[in-house]
């Protein structure tokens, strides 16, 4: 992966982590980032960047499944956006369900506590992540498309 691609993934990760950060105001969501270190900021960045890298990998898989290595036309573009939107809901949804099922059993996190339930907060977080990441991908894709139009 070249420097420009790493910069693009880093920029995407930064936008997503910034847009998702207001959810950290919910105590049960913030409690999720008490692991793997004792430093909240390090945990948030490490988990968030790892998650976004997996998400970007799913985008590559969607594009390869839709068009392979060929060119993208109108129908393919719709399929790609649909696939990316599905991936933006599916991956965080599966992760949220896993968190709610696994972490309480291990004593790492509990969805119950003061304030908003962790389950509701994670559900909202999944939807918010899907909206933010899909809009970001569409805007970046449109910018790349317009930048590469013949003059």
C-alpha atoms as a PDB file:
ATOM      1  CA  UNK A   1       0.000   0.000   0.000  1.00  0.00           C
ATOM      2  CA  UNK A   2       1.529   3.295  -1.115  1.00  0.00           C
ATOM      3  CA  UNK A   3       1.768   6.501   0.919  1.00  0.00           C
ATOM      4  CA  UNK A   4      -1.204   8.125  -0.831  1.00  0.00           C
ATOM      5  CA  UNK A   5      -3.431   5.139  -0.063  1.00  0.00           C
ATOM      6  CA  UNK A   6      -2.296   5.088   3.558  1.00  0.00           C
ATOM      7  CA  UNK A   7      -2.989   8.813   3.766  1.00  0.00           C
ATOM      8  CA  UNK A   8      -6.486   8.262   2.329  1.00  0.00           C
ATOM      9  CA  UNK A   9      -7.244   5.487   4.835  1.00  0.00           C
ATOM     10  CA  UNK A  10      -5.806   7.637   7.643  1.00  0.00           C
ATOM     11  CA  UNK A  11      -7.962  10.592   6.603  1.00  0.00           C
ATOM     12  CA  UNK A  12     -11.038   8.392   6.396  1.00  0.00           C
ATOM     13  CA  UNK A  13     -10.280   6.936   9.835  1.00  0.00           C
ATOM     14  CA  UNK A  14      -9.788  10.428  11.276  1.00  0.00           C
ATOM     15  CA  UNK A  15     -13.124  11.645   9.902  1.00  0.00           C
ATOM     16  CA  UNK A  16     -14.986   8.595  11.180  1.00  0.00           C
ATOM     17  CA  UNK A  17     -13.398   8.706  14.638  1.00  0.00           C
ATOM     18  CA  UNK A  18     -14.089  12.427  14.929  1.00  0.00           C
ATOM     19  CA  UNK A  19     -17.718  12.028  13.804  1.00  0.00           C
ATOM     20  CA  UNK A  20     -18.265   9.086  16.172  1.00  0.00           C
ATOM     21  CA  UNK A  21     -16.646  10.825  19.169  1.00  0.00           C
ATOM     22  CA  UNK A  22     -19.843  12.552  20.455  1.00  0.00           C
ATOM     23  CA  UNK A  23     -21.102   9.086  21.395  1.00  0.00           C
ATOM     24  CA  UNK A  24     -18.287   8.956  23.934  1.00  0.00           C
ATOM     25  CA  UNK A  25     -20.431  11.275  26.049  1.00  0.00           C
ATOM     26  CA  UNK A  26     -22.501   8.180  26.880  1.00  0.00           C
ATOM     27  CA  UNK A  27     -20.900   6.511  29.900  1.00  0.00           C
ATOM     28  CA  UNK A  28     -21.614   2.918  28.777  1.00  0.00           C
ATOM     29  CA  UNK A  29     -19.981   3.546  25.372  1.00  0.00           C
ATOM     30  CA  UNK A  30     -16.985   5.235  26.960  1.00  0.00           C
ATOM     31  CA  UNK A  31     -16.608   2.222  29.273  1.00  0.00           C
ATOM     32  CA  UNK A  32     -16.040   0.009  26.219  1.00  0.00           C
ATOM     33  CA  UNK A  33     -12.679   1.661  25.679  1.00  0.00           C
ATOM     34  CA  UNK A  34     -11.186   0.693  29.046  1.00  0.00           C
ATOM     35  CA  UNK A  35      -9.309  -2.131  27.345  1.00  0.00           C
ATOM     36  CA  UNK A  36      -6.545  -3.105  26.140  1.00  0.00           C
ATOM     37  CA  UNK A  37      -4.543  -0.402  27.983  1.00  0.00           C
ATOM     38  CA  UNK A  38      -5.382   1.908  30.866  1.00  0.00           C
ATOM     39  CA  UNK A  39      -5.275   4.972  28.581  1.00  0.00           C
ATOM     40  CA  UNK A  40      -8.682   5.847  27.151  1.00  0.00           C
ATOM     41  CA  UNK A  41      -7.381   7.893  24.190  1.00  0.00           C
ATOM     42  CA  UNK A  42      -4.946   5.160  23.145  1.00  0.00           C
ATOM     43  CA  UNK A  43      -7.688   2.530  23.361  1.00  0.00           C
ATOM     44  CA  UNK A  44     -10.153   4.627  21.340  1.00  0.00           C
ATOM     45  CA  UNK A  45      -7.608   5.318  18.608  1.00  0.00           C
ATOM     46  CA  UNK A  46      -6.292   1.742  18.472  1.00  0.00           C
ATOM     47  CA  UNK A  47      -9.705   0.082  18.382  1.00  0.00           C
ATOM     48  CA  UNK A  48     -11.134   2.721  16.043  1.00  0.00           C
ATOM     49  CA  UNK A  49      -8.284   2.592  13.534  1.00  0.00           C
ATOM     50  CA  UNK A  50      -8.282  -1.225  13.533  1.00  0.00           C
ATOM     51  CA  UNK A  51     -12.035  -1.209  12.937  1.00  0.00           C
ATOM     52  CA  UNK A  52     -11.801   1.331  10.096  1.00  0.00           C
ATOM     53  CA  UNK A  53      -9.012  -0.670   8.415  1.00  0.00           C
ATOM     54  CA  UNK A  54     -11.244  -3.754   8.472  1.00  0.00           C
ATOM     55  CA  UNK A  55     -14.110  -1.611   7.130  1.00  0.00           C
ATOM     56  CA  UNK A  56     -11.988  -0.266   4.261  1.00  0.00           C
ATOM     57  CA  UNK A  57     -10.963  -3.848   3.459  1.00  0.00           C
ATOM     58  CA  UNK A  58     -14.664  -4.704   3.182  1.00  0.00           C
ATOM     59  CA  UNK A  59     -15.039  -1.827   0.679  1.00  0.00           C
ATOM     60  CA  UNK A  60     -12.300  -3.327  -1.468  1.00  0.00           C
ATOM     61  CA  UNK A  61     -14.077  -6.685  -1.288  1.00  0.00           C
ATOM     62  CA  UNK A  62     -17.362  -5.076  -2.373  1.00  0.00           C
ATOM     63  CA  UNK A  63     -15.720  -3.378  -5.356  1.00  0.00           C
ATOM     64  CA  UNK A  64     -13.946  -6.578  -6.393  1.00  0.00           C
ATOM     65  CA  UNK A  65     -17.164  -8.579  -6.105  1.00  0.00           C
ATOM     66  CA  UNK A  66     -19.124  -6.057  -8.184  1.00  0.00           C
ATOM     67  CA  UNK A  67     -16.694  -5.179 -10.976  1.00  0.00           C
ATOM     68  CA  UNK A  68     -13.544  -7.188 -10.439  1.00  0.00           C
ATOM     69  CA  UNK A  69     -10.761  -5.216 -12.067  1.00  0.00           C
ATOM     70  CA  UNK A  70     -12.911  -3.702 -14.827  1.00  0.00           C
ATOM     71  CA  UNK A  71     -14.274  -0.194 -15.175  1.00  0.00           C
ATOM     72  CA  UNK A  72     -17.215   1.108 -13.182  1.00  0.00           C
ATOM     73  CA  UNK A  73     -20.384   2.220 -14.983  1.00  0.00           C
ATOM     74  CA  UNK A  74     -23.677   3.587 -13.650  1.00  0.00           C
ATOM     75  CA  UNK A  75     -25.187   0.238 -12.675  1.00  0.00           C
ATOM     76  CA  UNK A  76     -22.007  -0.916 -11.033  1.00  0.00           C
ATOM     77  CA  UNK A  77     -21.698   2.347  -9.096  1.00  0.00           C
ATOM     78  CA  UNK A  78     -25.180   1.828  -7.628  1.00  0.00           C
ATOM     79  CA  UNK A  79     -24.254  -1.730  -6.672  1.00  0.00           C
ATOM     80  CA  UNK A  80     -21.020  -0.562  -5.078  1.00  0.00           C
ATOM     81  CA  UNK A  81     -22.776   2.124  -3.011  1.00  0.00           C
ATOM     82  CA  UNK A  82     -25.422  -0.421  -1.980  1.00  0.00           C
ATOM     83  CA  UNK A  83     -22.770  -2.958  -1.009  1.00  0.00           C
ATOM     84  CA  UNK A  84     -20.779  -0.397   0.947  1.00  0.00           C
ATOM     85  CA  UNK A  85     -23.928   0.774   2.745  1.00  0.00           C
ATOM     86  CA  UNK A  86     -24.713  -2.843   3.651  1.00  0.00           C
ATOM     87  CA  UNK A  87     -21.130  -3.344   4.869  1.00  0.00           C
ATOM     88  CA  UNK A  88     -21.383  -0.139   6.908  1.00  0.00           C
ATOM     89  CA  UNK A  89     -24.391  -1.584   8.728  1.00  0.00           C
ATOM     90  CA  UNK A  90     -23.350  -5.230   8.841  1.00  0.00           C
ATOM     91  CA  UNK A  91     -19.810  -4.982  10.227  1.00  0.00           C
ATOM     92  CA  UNK A  92     -20.565  -2.584  13.107  1.00  0.00           C
ATOM     93  CA  UNK A  93     -23.816  -4.445  13.785  1.00  0.00           C
ATOM     94  CA  UNK A  94     -22.020  -7.772  14.126  1.00  0.00           C
ATOM     95  CA  UNK A  95     -19.371  -6.136  16.324  1.00  0.00           C
ATOM     96  CA  UNK A  96     -22.025  -4.537  18.549  1.00  0.00           C
ATOM     97  CA  UNK A  97     -23.873  -7.837  18.985  1.00  0.00           C
ATOM     98  CA  UNK A  98     -20.564  -9.539  19.777  1.00  0.00           C
ATOM     99  CA  UNK A  99     -19.710  -6.869  22.357  1.00  0.00           C
ATOM    100  CA  UNK A 100     -23.096  -7.210  24.056  1.00  0.00           C
ATOM    101  CA  UNK A 101     -22.843 -11.027  24.119  1.00  0.00           C
ATOM    102  CA  UNK A 102     -19.154 -11.613  24.913  1.00  0.00           C
ATOM    103  CA  UNK A 103     -17.793  -8.765  27.051  1.00  0.00           C
ATOM    104  CA  UNK A 104     -20.348  -8.981  29.906  1.00  0.00           C
ATOM    105  CA  UNK A 105     -19.667 -12.728  30.250  1.00  0.00           C
ATOM    106  CA  UNK A 106     -15.948 -12.017  30.610  1.00  0.00           C
ATOM    107  CA  UNK A 107     -16.552  -9.257  33.142  1.00  0.00           C
ATOM    108  CA  UNK A 108     -14.921  -6.638  30.908  1.00  0.00           C
ATOM    109  CA  UNK A 109     -18.003  -4.476  30.308  1.00  0.00           C
ATOM    110  CA  UNK A 110     -21.643  -4.314  31.317  1.00  0.00           C
ATOM    111  CA  UNK A 111     -24.345  -2.715  29.183  1.00  0.00           C
ATOM    112  CA  UNK A 112     -26.292  -1.702  32.285  1.00  0.00           C
ATOM    113  CA  UNK A 113     -25.373   1.192  34.496  1.00  0.00           C
ATOM    114  CA  UNK A 114     -26.227   4.793  35.132  1.00  0.00           C
ATOM    115  CA  UNK A 115     -27.753   6.696  32.240  1.00  0.00           C
ATOM    116  CA  UNK A 116     -28.557   5.300  28.822  1.00  0.00           C
ATOM    117  CA  UNK A 117     -28.403   1.533  28.361  1.00  0.00           C
ATOM    118  CA  UNK A 118     -25.302   0.269  26.573  1.00  0.00           C
ATOM    119  CA  UNK A 119     -27.450  -1.752  24.173  1.00  0.00           C
ATOM    120  CA  UNK A 120     -29.425   1.301  23.040  1.00  0.00           C
ATOM    121  CA  UNK A 121     -26.267   3.389  22.812  1.00  0.00           C
ATOM    122  CA  UNK A 122     -24.528   0.746  20.688  1.00  0.00           C
ATOM    123  CA  UNK A 123     -27.580   0.460  18.428  1.00  0.00           C
ATOM    124  CA  UNK A 124     -27.549   4.202  17.895  1.00  0.00           C
ATOM    125  CA  UNK A 125     -23.774   4.038  17.377  1.00  0.00           C
ATOM    126  CA  UNK A 126     -24.150   1.422  14.636  1.00  0.00           C
ATOM    127  CA  UNK A 127     -26.703   3.521  12.760  1.00  0.00           C
ATOM    128  CA  UNK A 128     -24.657   6.701  13.224  1.00  0.00           C
ATOM    129  CA  UNK A 129     -21.495   4.924  12.019  1.00  0.00           C
ATOM    130  CA  UNK A 130     -23.324   3.647   8.942  1.00  0.00           C
ATOM    131  CA  UNK A 131     -24.622   7.121   8.071  1.00  0.00           C
ATOM    132  CA  UNK A 132     -21.292   8.887   8.617  1.00  0.00           C
ATOM    133  CA  UNK A 133     -19.171   6.304   6.842  1.00  0.00           C
ATOM    134  CA  UNK A 134     -21.533   5.945   3.874  1.00  0.00           C
ATOM    135  CA  UNK A 135     -21.785   9.706   3.368  1.00  0.00           C
ATOM    136  CA  UNK A 136     -17.993   9.999   3.640  1.00  0.00           C
ATOM    137  CA  UNK A 137     -17.407   7.237   1.080  1.00  0.00           C
ATOM    138  CA  UNK A 138     -19.922   8.738  -1.358  1.00  0.00           C
ATOM    139  CA  UNK A 139     -18.430  12.247  -1.029  1.00  0.00           C
ATOM    140  CA  UNK A 140     -14.872  10.959  -1.473  1.00  0.00           C
ATOM    141  CA  UNK A 141     -15.955   8.784  -4.404  1.00  0.00           C
ATOM    142  CA  UNK A 142     -17.686  11.705  -6.098  1.00  0.00           C
ATOM    143  CA  UNK A 143     -14.623  13.901  -5.570  1.00  0.00           C
ATOM    144  CA  UNK A 144     -12.354  11.257  -7.101  1.00  0.00           C
ATOM    145  CA  UNK A 145     -14.743  10.785 -10.021  1.00  0.00           C
ATOM    146  CA  UNK A 146     -14.947  14.511 -10.782  1.00  0.00           C
ATOM    147  CA  UNK A 147     -11.189  14.918 -10.381  1.00  0.00           C
ATOM    148  CA  UNK A 148     -10.618  12.197 -12.995  1.00  0.00           C
ATOM    149  CA  UNK A 149     -13.095  13.414 -15.615  1.00  0.00           C
ATOM    150  CA  UNK A 150     -11.497  14.097 -18.984  1.00  0.00           C
ATOM    151  CA  UNK A 151     -10.984  17.777 -19.709  1.00  0.00           C
END
